[in-house]
């Protein structure tokens, strides 16, 4: 029987095959798709972007903002440097690109857009710790031979300018106004959910607030606007530098959104990331993420290269 595939349909069918590899890991806000993932045709923007790469015979380019720095709250993390959570996540992302290569020989490349410096001053993490974290990400990629990954951060854009000057430059050029953001959050349920999620993280990440719980929550609600402004600015900067890339997100995203939310590791909360938690190896050999103080109640801390790596369940 003659094939029904034509040169026009091949990029779309190949794009669907590629997207089908991502769908089991989709991190979504849509409750109807939390257990069964949506079909590839529910993501027309990503399908179109991938099809463009296929037509050109070029590797699929993905950008993933995230991997900023470890939480400053020692009750949540094992230290300020990447640990087993990042090792497992980076390996997963590289494996995903390898799987894409099996259905599309030119393969894929993923740029980890490390965004810690964008809002380091708002989340209370020293810039030196953020540099150390990003440098260690690059070292891990080399050590683990993750050839399909690379790291992009503000140093790649603005060189050796002082960190505050870099933040000011990006904010002034790209960030939405505070009034526009407040209006959007009042009108859009997804924007409101993001605002609340970031506020919660800021509260949880604060380990030494001198005032009352209510004063901390007020301060974090204000800082959350700044974090979203800077995050939007970082996204627009990435789009300028990687204009054709398929945009991934570590935050839950609605089905069909312009950003494709992706889950890095198993966790009970869809908002949990390796940099806000510790990796716990269960007795059956599987991994999950949870706050350090909870993980250490389940087991013992394992060191690697002289520093804490993960928690082993006992």
C-alpha atoms as a PDB file:
ATOM      1  CA  UNK A   1       0.000   0.000   0.000  1.00  0.00           C
ATOM      2  CA  UNK A   2       1.501   3.405  -0.937  1.00  0.00           C
ATOM      3  CA  UNK A   3       2.437   5.763   1.924  1.00  0.00           C
ATOM      4  CA  UNK A   4       0.063   8.633   2.717  1.00  0.00           C
ATOM      5  CA  UNK A   5       2.912  10.683   4.188  1.00  0.00           C
ATOM      6  CA  UNK A   6       3.816  13.763   2.127  1.00  0.00           C
ATOM      7  CA  UNK A   7       6.626  16.298   2.539  1.00  0.00           C
ATOM      8  CA  UNK A   8       4.051  18.691   4.062  1.00  0.00           C
ATOM      9  CA  UNK A   9       2.757  16.266   6.681  1.00  0.00           C
ATOM     10  CA  UNK A  10       6.129  14.775   7.687  1.00  0.00           C
ATOM     11  CA  UNK A  11       7.268  17.714   9.887  1.00  0.00           C
ATOM     12  CA  UNK A  12       3.949  17.676  11.750  1.00  0.00           C
ATOM     13  CA  UNK A  13       3.940  13.919  12.287  1.00  0.00           C
ATOM     14  CA  UNK A  14       7.575  13.984  13.424  1.00  0.00           C
ATOM     15  CA  UNK A  15       6.788  16.939  15.685  1.00  0.00           C
ATOM     16  CA  UNK A  16       3.932  14.987  17.261  1.00  0.00           C
ATOM     17  CA  UNK A  17       6.265  12.021  17.858  1.00  0.00           C
ATOM     18  CA  UNK A  18       8.763  14.342  19.565  1.00  0.00           C
ATOM     19  CA  UNK A  19       6.087  16.027  21.668  1.00  0.00           C
ATOM     20  CA  UNK A  20       4.725  12.622  22.701  1.00  0.00           C
ATOM     21  CA  UNK A  21       8.063  11.999  24.422  1.00  0.00           C
ATOM     22  CA  UNK A  22       7.571  15.125  26.550  1.00  0.00           C
ATOM     23  CA  UNK A  23       3.899  14.637  27.372  1.00  0.00           C
ATOM     24  CA  UNK A  24       4.349  12.023  30.142  1.00  0.00           C
ATOM     25  CA  UNK A  25       6.410  14.641  31.995  1.00  0.00           C
ATOM     26  CA  UNK A  26       4.032  17.575  31.435  1.00  0.00           C
ATOM     27  CA  UNK A  27       3.556  19.703  34.548  1.00  0.00           C
ATOM     28  CA  UNK A  28       0.138  21.281  34.219  1.00  0.00           C
ATOM     29  CA  UNK A  29      -2.356  23.410  36.117  1.00  0.00           C
ATOM     30  CA  UNK A  30      -5.209  21.557  34.380  1.00  0.00           C
ATOM     31  CA  UNK A  31      -6.654  19.064  36.855  1.00  0.00           C
ATOM     32  CA  UNK A  32      -8.241  16.985  34.085  1.00  0.00           C
ATOM     33  CA  UNK A  33      -4.749  16.158  32.822  1.00  0.00           C
ATOM     34  CA  UNK A  34      -2.926  15.482  36.083  1.00  0.00           C
ATOM     35  CA  UNK A  35      -3.266  11.701  35.671  1.00  0.00           C
ATOM     36  CA  UNK A  36      -3.703  11.259  31.899  1.00  0.00           C
ATOM     37  CA  UNK A  37      -1.731  13.569  29.642  1.00  0.00           C
ATOM     38  CA  UNK A  38      -3.247  15.546  26.790  1.00  0.00           C
ATOM     39  CA  UNK A  39      -2.615  14.662  23.150  1.00  0.00           C
ATOM     40  CA  UNK A  40       0.081  16.368  21.084  1.00  0.00           C
ATOM     41  CA  UNK A  41      -2.453  18.312  19.016  1.00  0.00           C
ATOM     42  CA  UNK A  42      -3.479  20.186  22.186  1.00  0.00           C
ATOM     43  CA  UNK A  43      -0.133  22.049  21.920  1.00  0.00           C
ATOM     44  CA  UNK A  44      -0.288  23.807  18.518  1.00  0.00           C
ATOM     45  CA  UNK A  45       2.431  26.381  19.301  1.00  0.00           C
ATOM     46  CA  UNK A  46       4.994  23.748  20.333  1.00  0.00           C
ATOM     47  CA  UNK A  47       4.042  21.533  17.384  1.00  0.00           C
ATOM     48  CA  UNK A  48       4.548  24.428  14.990  1.00  0.00           C
ATOM     49  CA  UNK A  49       7.929  25.362  16.502  1.00  0.00           C
ATOM     50  CA  UNK A  50       9.179  21.774  16.399  1.00  0.00           C
ATOM     51  CA  UNK A  51       7.915  21.343  12.819  1.00  0.00           C
ATOM     52  CA  UNK A  52       9.988  24.373  11.776  1.00  0.00           C
ATOM     53  CA  UNK A  53      13.152  22.689  13.087  1.00  0.00           C
ATOM     54  CA  UNK A  54      12.200  19.438  11.329  1.00  0.00           C
ATOM     55  CA  UNK A  55      11.684  21.231   8.002  1.00  0.00           C
ATOM     56  CA  UNK A  56      15.154  22.740   8.374  1.00  0.00           C
ATOM     57  CA  UNK A  57      16.687  19.414   9.421  1.00  0.00           C
ATOM     58  CA  UNK A  58      18.109  21.179  12.488  1.00  0.00           C
ATOM     59  CA  UNK A  59      18.390  19.981  16.105  1.00  0.00           C
ATOM     60  CA  UNK A  60      15.363  20.979  18.198  1.00  0.00           C
ATOM     61  CA  UNK A  61      16.336  23.845  20.525  1.00  0.00           C
ATOM     62  CA  UNK A  62      14.723  23.996  23.961  1.00  0.00           C
ATOM     63  CA  UNK A  63      15.170  26.688  26.603  1.00  0.00           C
ATOM     64  CA  UNK A  64      14.392  25.998  30.268  1.00  0.00           C
ATOM     65  CA  UNK A  65      14.552  28.913  32.721  1.00  0.00           C
ATOM     66  CA  UNK A  66      15.290  27.583  36.185  1.00  0.00           C
ATOM     67  CA  UNK A  67      18.114  26.081  38.240  1.00  0.00           C
ATOM     68  CA  UNK A  68      18.668  29.504  39.876  1.00  0.00           C
ATOM     69  CA  UNK A  69      20.304  28.669  43.229  1.00  0.00           C
ATOM     70  CA  UNK A  70      19.457  26.719  46.340  1.00  0.00           C
ATOM     71  CA  UNK A  71      16.813  28.007  48.731  1.00  0.00           C
ATOM     72  CA  UNK A  72      18.359  30.084  51.536  1.00  0.00           C
ATOM     73  CA  UNK A  73      16.315  28.113  54.100  1.00  0.00           C
ATOM     74  CA  UNK A  74      18.476  25.307  55.600  1.00  0.00           C
ATOM     75  CA  UNK A  75      15.301  23.436  56.619  1.00  0.00           C
ATOM     76  CA  UNK A  76      14.577  22.858  52.918  1.00  0.00           C
ATOM     77  CA  UNK A  77      17.957  22.070  51.326  1.00  0.00           C
ATOM     78  CA  UNK A  78      21.245  20.324  52.100  1.00  0.00           C
ATOM     79  CA  UNK A  79      23.496  23.249  51.157  1.00  0.00           C
ATOM     80  CA  UNK A  80      23.986  26.047  48.633  1.00  0.00           C
ATOM     81  CA  UNK A  81      25.499  23.925  45.841  1.00  0.00           C
ATOM     82  CA  UNK A  82      23.824  21.517  43.401  1.00  0.00           C
ATOM     83  CA  UNK A  83      23.385  18.021  44.816  1.00  0.00           C
ATOM     84  CA  UNK A  84      21.711  14.771  43.810  1.00  0.00           C
ATOM     85  CA  UNK A  85      18.469  16.582  42.945  1.00  0.00           C
ATOM     86  CA  UNK A  86      20.249  18.571  40.236  1.00  0.00           C
ATOM     87  CA  UNK A  87      22.292  15.532  39.109  1.00  0.00           C
ATOM     88  CA  UNK A  88      19.145  13.497  38.549  1.00  0.00           C
ATOM     89  CA  UNK A  89      17.298  16.384  36.893  1.00  0.00           C
ATOM     90  CA  UNK A  90      20.099  17.243  34.479  1.00  0.00           C
ATOM     91  CA  UNK A  91      20.526  13.570  33.594  1.00  0.00           C
ATOM     92  CA  UNK A  92      16.785  13.298  32.957  1.00  0.00           C
ATOM     93  CA  UNK A  93      16.819  16.295  30.619  1.00  0.00           C
ATOM     94  CA  UNK A  94      19.797  14.939  28.701  1.00  0.00           C
ATOM     95  CA  UNK A  95      18.083  11.537  28.404  1.00  0.00           C
ATOM     96  CA  UNK A  96      14.976  13.253  27.038  1.00  0.00           C
ATOM     97  CA  UNK A  97      17.112  14.791  24.285  1.00  0.00           C
ATOM     98  CA  UNK A  98      18.644  11.369  23.601  1.00  0.00           C
ATOM     99  CA  UNK A  99      15.166   9.855  23.230  1.00  0.00           C
ATOM    100  CA  UNK A 100      14.244  12.601  20.759  1.00  0.00           C
ATOM    101  CA  UNK A 101      17.290  11.636  18.695  1.00  0.00           C
ATOM    102  CA  UNK A 102      15.833   8.134  18.265  1.00  0.00           C
ATOM    103  CA  UNK A 103      12.761   9.475  16.463  1.00  0.00           C
ATOM    104  CA  UNK A 104      14.504  12.471  14.887  1.00  0.00           C
ATOM    105  CA  UNK A 105      18.215  11.885  14.076  1.00  0.00           C
ATOM    106  CA  UNK A 106      19.322  15.561  14.252  1.00  0.00           C
ATOM    107  CA  UNK A 107      18.319  15.327  17.919  1.00  0.00           C
ATOM    108  CA  UNK A 108      17.795  18.154  20.396  1.00  0.00           C
ATOM    109  CA  UNK A 109      19.733  20.539  22.606  1.00  0.00           C
ATOM    110  CA  UNK A 110      18.519  22.089  25.843  1.00  0.00           C
ATOM    111  CA  UNK A 111      19.762  25.401  27.240  1.00  0.00           C
ATOM    112  CA  UNK A 112      19.417  25.657  31.024  1.00  0.00           C
ATOM    113  CA  UNK A 113      18.767  29.376  31.556  1.00  0.00           C
ATOM    114  CA  UNK A 114      20.012  29.761  35.139  1.00  0.00           C
ATOM    115  CA  UNK A 115      18.101  32.735  36.514  1.00  0.00           C
ATOM    116  CA  UNK A 116      19.383  33.168  40.063  1.00  0.00           C
ATOM    117  CA  UNK A 117      21.028  36.560  39.518  1.00  0.00           C
ATOM    118  CA  UNK A 118      17.802  37.978  38.103  1.00  0.00           C
ATOM    119  CA  UNK A 119      16.129  37.971  41.517  1.00  0.00           C
ATOM    120  CA  UNK A 120      18.874  37.028  43.969  1.00  0.00           C
ATOM    121  CA  UNK A 121      18.370  40.271  45.893  1.00  0.00           C
ATOM    122  CA  UNK A 122      14.632  39.552  46.247  1.00  0.00           C
ATOM    123  CA  UNK A 123      15.060  36.013  47.558  1.00  0.00           C
ATOM    124  CA  UNK A 124      17.939  36.713  49.949  1.00  0.00           C
ATOM    125  CA  UNK A 125      20.685  34.670  48.259  1.00  0.00           C
ATOM    126  CA  UNK A 126      24.212  36.144  47.944  1.00  0.00           C
ATOM    127  CA  UNK A 127      25.406  36.632  44.376  1.00  0.00           C
ATOM    128  CA  UNK A 128      28.577  34.677  45.175  1.00  0.00           C
ATOM    129  CA  UNK A 129      26.442  31.638  46.064  1.00  0.00           C
ATOM    130  CA  UNK A 130      24.534  32.030  42.785  1.00  0.00           C
ATOM    131  CA  UNK A 131      27.801  32.093  40.813  1.00  0.00           C
ATOM    132  CA  UNK A 132      29.003  29.003  42.675  1.00  0.00           C
ATOM    133  CA  UNK A 133      25.747  27.199  41.922  1.00  0.00           C
ATOM    134  CA  UNK A 134      25.819  27.991  38.176  1.00  0.00           C
ATOM    135  CA  UNK A 135      29.522  27.099  37.924  1.00  0.00           C
ATOM    136  CA  UNK A 136      28.805  23.747  39.565  1.00  0.00           C
ATOM    137  CA  UNK A 137      25.955  23.115  37.099  1.00  0.00           C
ATOM    138  CA  UNK A 138      28.430  23.538  34.257  1.00  0.00           C
ATOM    139  CA  UNK A 139      30.904  21.257  36.012  1.00  0.00           C
ATOM    140  CA  UNK A 140      28.205  18.586  36.476  1.00  0.00           C
ATOM    141  CA  UNK A 141      27.288  18.729  32.794  1.00  0.00           C
ATOM    142  CA  UNK A 142      30.947  18.109  31.939  1.00  0.00           C
ATOM    143  CA  UNK A 143      31.448  15.438  34.607  1.00  0.00           C
ATOM    144  CA  UNK A 144      28.342  13.486  33.611  1.00  0.00           C
ATOM    145  CA  UNK A 145      29.024  13.924  29.878  1.00  0.00           C
ATOM    146  CA  UNK A 146      25.641  15.539  29.271  1.00  0.00           C
ATOM    147  CA  UNK A 147      26.510  16.744  25.789  1.00  0.00           C
ATOM    148  CA  UNK A 148      22.979  17.833  24.909  1.00  0.00           C
ATOM    149  CA  UNK A 149      22.814  20.427  27.704  1.00  0.00           C
ATOM    150  CA  UNK A 150      24.387  23.831  28.259  1.00  0.00           C
ATOM    151  CA  UNK A 151      23.998  26.658  30.802  1.00  0.00           C
ATOM    152  CA  UNK A 152      23.129  30.273  29.979  1.00  0.00           C
ATOM    153  CA  UNK A 153      23.093  33.031  32.612  1.00  0.00           C
ATOM    154  CA  UNK A 154      23.475  36.802  32.941  1.00  0.00           C
ATOM    155  CA  UNK A 155      27.241  36.544  32.608  1.00  0.00           C
ATOM    156  CA  UNK A 156      26.706  35.393  29.022  1.00  0.00           C
ATOM    157  CA  UNK A 157      24.736  38.578  28.318  1.00  0.00           C
ATOM    158  CA  UNK A 158      26.277  41.351  30.409  1.00  0.00           C
ATOM    159  CA  UNK A 159      29.714  40.001  31.263  1.00  0.00           C
ATOM    160  CA  UNK A 160      31.412  41.360  34.372  1.00  0.00           C
ATOM    161  CA  UNK A 161      29.066  44.255  35.159  1.00  0.00           C
ATOM    162  CA  UNK A 162      28.142  44.477  38.866  1.00  0.00           C
ATOM    163  CA  UNK A 163      25.196  42.241  39.681  1.00  0.00           C
ATOM    164  CA  UNK A 164      22.912  45.109  40.689  1.00  0.00           C
ATOM    165  CA  UNK A 165      23.665  46.881  37.419  1.00  0.00           C
ATOM    166  CA  UNK A 166      22.794  43.718  35.479  1.00  0.00           C
ATOM    167  CA  UNK A 167      19.481  43.391  37.303  1.00  0.00           C
ATOM    168  CA  UNK A 168      18.636  47.057  36.735  1.00  0.00           C
ATOM    169  CA  UNK A 169      19.469  46.777  33.030  1.00  0.00           C
ATOM    170  CA  UNK A 170      17.253  43.734  32.490  1.00  0.00           C
ATOM    171  CA  UNK A 171      14.405  45.133  34.598  1.00  0.00           C
ATOM    172  CA  UNK A 172      14.375  48.495  32.825  1.00  0.00           C
ATOM    173  CA  UNK A 173      14.470  46.964  29.362  1.00  0.00           C
ATOM    174  CA  UNK A 174      12.084  44.036  29.742  1.00  0.00           C
ATOM    175  CA  UNK A 175       9.981  44.006  32.939  1.00  0.00           C
ATOM    176  CA  UNK A 176       6.246  44.828  32.864  1.00  0.00           C
ATOM    177  CA  UNK A 177       5.115  47.728  35.010  1.00  0.00           C
ATOM    178  CA  UNK A 178       3.854  46.979  38.499  1.00  0.00           C
ATOM    179  CA  UNK A 179       0.402  48.396  37.661  1.00  0.00           C
ATOM    180  CA  UNK A 180       0.094  46.180  34.570  1.00  0.00           C
ATOM    181  CA  UNK A 181       1.137  43.120  36.553  1.00  0.00           C
ATOM    182  CA  UNK A 182      -1.327  43.809  39.361  1.00  0.00           C
ATOM    183  CA  UNK A 183      -4.135  44.233  36.841  1.00  0.00           C
ATOM    184  CA  UNK A 184      -3.223  40.933  35.184  1.00  0.00           C
ATOM    185  CA  UNK A 185      -3.103  39.044  38.477  1.00  0.00           C
ATOM    186  CA  UNK A 186      -6.544  40.363  39.437  1.00  0.00           C
ATOM    187  CA  UNK A 187      -8.000  39.280  36.085  1.00  0.00           C
ATOM    188  CA  UNK A 188      -6.229  35.993  35.301  1.00  0.00           C
ATOM    189  CA  UNK A 189      -6.550  32.842  37.423  1.00  0.00           C
ATOM    190  CA  UNK A 190      -3.253  31.367  36.186  1.00  0.00           C
ATOM    191  CA  UNK A 191      -1.368  34.600  36.973  1.00  0.00           C
ATOM    192  CA  UNK A 192      -3.006  34.634  40.401  1.00  0.00           C
ATOM    193  CA  UNK A 193      -1.970  31.016  41.032  1.00  0.00           C
ATOM    194  CA  UNK A 194       1.624  31.876  40.075  1.00  0.00           C
ATOM    195  CA  UNK A 195       1.605  34.925  42.356  1.00  0.00           C
ATOM    196  CA  UNK A 196       0.302  32.865  45.271  1.00  0.00           C
ATOM    197  CA  UNK A 197       2.784  30.067  44.601  1.00  0.00           C
ATOM    198  CA  UNK A 198       5.737  32.450  44.560  1.00  0.00           C
ATOM    199  CA  UNK A 199       4.493  34.218  47.689  1.00  0.00           C
ATOM    200  CA  UNK A 200       4.305  30.860  49.453  1.00  0.00           C
ATOM    201  CA  UNK A 201       7.844  29.987  48.366  1.00  0.00           C
ATOM    202  CA  UNK A 202       9.178  33.333  49.591  1.00  0.00           C
ATOM    203  CA  UNK A 203       7.549  32.802  52.984  1.00  0.00           C
ATOM    204  CA  UNK A 204       8.891  29.245  53.230  1.00  0.00           C
ATOM    205  CA  UNK A 205      12.385  30.293  52.105  1.00  0.00           C
ATOM    206  CA  UNK A 206      12.731  32.961  54.797  1.00  0.00           C
ATOM    207  CA  UNK A 207      14.509  31.403  57.765  1.00  0.00           C
ATOM    208  CA  UNK A 208      15.318  34.414  59.960  1.00  0.00           C
ATOM    209  CA  UNK A 209      12.541  37.025  59.679  1.00  0.00           C
ATOM    210  CA  UNK A 210      12.674  39.181  62.856  1.00  0.00           C
ATOM    211  CA  UNK A 211       9.011  40.255  62.806  1.00  0.00           C
ATOM    212  CA  UNK A 212       5.631  38.569  62.976  1.00  0.00           C
ATOM    213  CA  UNK A 213       4.287  35.959  60.583  1.00  0.00           C
ATOM    214  CA  UNK A 214       1.778  38.467  59.213  1.00  0.00           C
ATOM    215  CA  UNK A 215       4.504  41.059  58.539  1.00  0.00           C
ATOM    216  CA  UNK A 216       6.543  38.381  56.747  1.00  0.00           C
ATOM    217  CA  UNK A 217       3.567  37.493  54.563  1.00  0.00           C
ATOM    218  CA  UNK A 218       2.992  41.153  53.678  1.00  0.00           C
ATOM    219  CA  UNK A 219       6.649  41.587  52.725  1.00  0.00           C
ATOM    220  CA  UNK A 220       6.622  38.412  50.629  1.00  0.00           C
ATOM    221  CA  UNK A 221       3.472  39.465  48.790  1.00  0.00           C
ATOM    222  CA  UNK A 222       5.267  42.636  47.747  1.00  0.00           C
ATOM    223  CA  UNK A 223       8.454  40.801  46.791  1.00  0.00           C
ATOM    224  CA  UNK A 224       6.432  38.288  44.776  1.00  0.00           C
ATOM    225  CA  UNK A 225       5.472  41.060  42.338  1.00  0.00           C
ATOM    226  CA  UNK A 226       9.152  41.834  41.869  1.00  0.00           C
ATOM    227  CA  UNK A 227      10.027  38.185  41.315  1.00  0.00           C
ATOM    228  CA  UNK A 228       7.344  37.867  38.623  1.00  0.00           C
ATOM    229  CA  UNK A 229       8.453  41.131  36.972  1.00  0.00           C
ATOM    230  CA  UNK A 230      12.053  39.917  36.831  1.00  0.00           C
ATOM    231  CA  UNK A 231      10.987  36.438  35.710  1.00  0.00           C
ATOM    232  CA  UNK A 232       8.995  37.935  32.828  1.00  0.00           C
ATOM    233  CA  UNK A 233      11.972  40.121  31.955  1.00  0.00           C
ATOM    234  CA  UNK A 234      14.274  37.083  31.946  1.00  0.00           C
ATOM    235  CA  UNK A 235      11.840  35.242  29.679  1.00  0.00           C
ATOM    236  CA  UNK A 236      11.837  38.096  27.172  1.00  0.00           C
ATOM    237  CA  UNK A 237      15.629  38.322  27.281  1.00  0.00           C
ATOM    238  CA  UNK A 238      15.860  34.575  26.594  1.00  0.00           C
ATOM    239  CA  UNK A 239      13.459  34.966  23.670  1.00  0.00           C
ATOM    240  CA  UNK A 240      15.735  37.671  22.223  1.00  0.00           C
ATOM    241  CA  UNK A 241      18.805  35.443  22.489  1.00  0.00           C
ATOM    242  CA  UNK A 242      17.082  32.157  21.528  1.00  0.00           C
ATOM    243  CA  UNK A 243      14.235  33.380  19.310  1.00  0.00           C
ATOM    244  CA  UNK A 244      13.216  30.049  17.750  1.00  0.00           C
ATOM    245  CA  UNK A 245      13.590  27.769  20.764  1.00  0.00           C
ATOM    246  CA  UNK A 246      10.728  25.787  22.282  1.00  0.00           C
ATOM    247  CA  UNK A 247      10.142  27.318  25.712  1.00  0.00           C
ATOM    248  CA  UNK A 248       9.877  24.905  28.631  1.00  0.00           C
ATOM    249  CA  UNK A 249       8.975  25.867  32.197  1.00  0.00           C
ATOM    250  CA  UNK A 250       9.526  24.328  35.620  1.00  0.00           C
ATOM    251  CA  UNK A 251       6.192  25.860  36.728  1.00  0.00           C
ATOM    252  CA  UNK A 252       2.853  24.138  36.026  1.00  0.00           C
ATOM    253  CA  UNK A 253       1.329  25.450  32.782  1.00  0.00           C
ATOM    254  CA  UNK A 254      -2.153  25.114  31.255  1.00  0.00           C
ATOM    255  CA  UNK A 255      -2.574  22.698  28.344  1.00  0.00           C
ATOM    256  CA  UNK A 256      -1.864  24.602  25.127  1.00  0.00           C
ATOM    257  CA  UNK A 257       0.011  27.475  26.816  1.00  0.00           C
ATOM    258  CA  UNK A 258       2.962  29.155  25.119  1.00  0.00           C
ATOM    259  CA  UNK A 259       5.254  27.522  27.706  1.00  0.00           C
ATOM    260  CA  UNK A 260       5.362  23.774  28.222  1.00  0.00           C
ATOM    261  CA  UNK A 261       5.598  22.885  31.909  1.00  0.00           C
ATOM    262  CA  UNK A 262       7.910  19.960  32.588  1.00  0.00           C
ATOM    263  CA  UNK A 263       8.337  17.876  35.733  1.00  0.00           C
ATOM    264  CA  UNK A 264      11.983  17.117  36.537  1.00  0.00           C
ATOM    265  CA  UNK A 265      11.578  14.586  39.361  1.00  0.00           C
ATOM    266  CA  UNK A 266       8.788  12.930  41.303  1.00  0.00           C
ATOM    267  CA  UNK A 267       7.425  15.096  44.116  1.00  0.00           C
ATOM    268  CA  UNK A 268       4.144  15.256  46.028  1.00  0.00           C
ATOM    269  CA  UNK A 269       3.710  18.955  45.142  1.00  0.00           C
ATOM    270  CA  UNK A 270       3.702  20.128  41.500  1.00  0.00           C
ATOM    271  CA  UNK A 271       5.662  23.251  42.534  1.00  0.00           C
ATOM    272  CA  UNK A 272       8.541  21.376  44.206  1.00  0.00           C
ATOM    273  CA  UNK A 273      11.941  21.687  42.512  1.00  0.00           C
ATOM    274  CA  UNK A 274      15.413  20.288  43.310  1.00  0.00           C
ATOM    275  CA  UNK A 275      16.587  23.714  44.451  1.00  0.00           C
ATOM    276  CA  UNK A 276      13.801  24.022  47.033  1.00  0.00           C
ATOM    277  CA  UNK A 277      14.210  20.552  48.500  1.00  0.00           C
ATOM    278  CA  UNK A 278      16.405  17.519  49.094  1.00  0.00           C
ATOM    279  CA  UNK A 279      16.430  14.300  47.080  1.00  0.00           C
ATOM    280  CA  UNK A 280      15.282  11.223  49.000  1.00  0.00           C
ATOM    281  CA  UNK A 281      16.180   7.754  47.752  1.00  0.00           C
ATOM    282  CA  UNK A 282      13.422   5.395  48.853  1.00  0.00           C
ATOM    283  CA  UNK A 283      14.045   1.808  49.958  1.00  0.00           C
ATOM    284  CA  UNK A 284      12.856   0.544  46.559  1.00  0.00           C
ATOM    285  CA  UNK A 285      15.512   2.656  44.773  1.00  0.00           C
ATOM    286  CA  UNK A 286      13.132   5.331  43.440  1.00  0.00           C
ATOM    287  CA  UNK A 287      13.624   9.037  44.105  1.00  0.00           C
ATOM    288  CA  UNK A 288      11.418  11.854  45.327  1.00  0.00           C
ATOM    289  CA  UNK A 289      11.873  15.431  46.508  1.00  0.00           C
ATOM    290  CA  UNK A 290      10.919  16.863  49.878  1.00  0.00           C
ATOM    291  CA  UNK A 291      12.142  19.506  52.356  1.00  0.00           C
ATOM    292  CA  UNK A 292      15.366  18.554  54.098  1.00  0.00           C
ATOM    293  CA  UNK A 293      13.863  18.520  57.582  1.00  0.00           C
ATOM    294  CA  UNK A 294      11.175  16.052  56.480  1.00  0.00           C
ATOM    295  CA  UNK A 295      13.579  13.929  54.430  1.00  0.00           C
ATOM    296  CA  UNK A 296      16.033  13.543  57.321  1.00  0.00           C
ATOM    297  CA  UNK A 297      13.235  12.212  59.508  1.00  0.00           C
ATOM    298  CA  UNK A 298      12.956   9.362  56.978  1.00  0.00           C
ATOM    299  CA  UNK A 299      16.630   8.495  56.741  1.00  0.00           C
ATOM    300  CA  UNK A 300      20.277   9.562  56.843  1.00  0.00           C
ATOM    301  CA  UNK A 301      22.232  12.121  54.856  1.00  0.00           C
ATOM    302  CA  UNK A 302      24.662  10.669  52.311  1.00  0.00           C
ATOM    303  CA  UNK A 303      27.742  12.668  51.331  1.00  0.00           C
ATOM    304  CA  UNK A 304      29.413  12.817  47.934  1.00  0.00           C
ATOM    305  CA  UNK A 305      32.756  14.546  47.287  1.00  0.00           C
ATOM    306  CA  UNK A 306      32.839  15.742  50.879  1.00  0.00           C
ATOM    307  CA  UNK A 307      29.445  17.461  51.003  1.00  0.00           C
ATOM    308  CA  UNK A 308      25.799  16.421  51.508  1.00  0.00           C
ATOM    309  CA  UNK A 309      24.280  14.826  48.394  1.00  0.00           C
ATOM    310  CA  UNK A 310      20.929  13.257  49.286  1.00  0.00           C
ATOM    311  CA  UNK A 311      18.996  11.376  51.942  1.00  0.00           C
ATOM    312  CA  UNK A 312      18.784   7.584  52.017  1.00  0.00           C
ATOM    313  CA  UNK A 313      15.595   6.134  53.485  1.00  0.00           C
ATOM    314  CA  UNK A 314      16.137   3.634  56.320  1.00  0.00           C
END
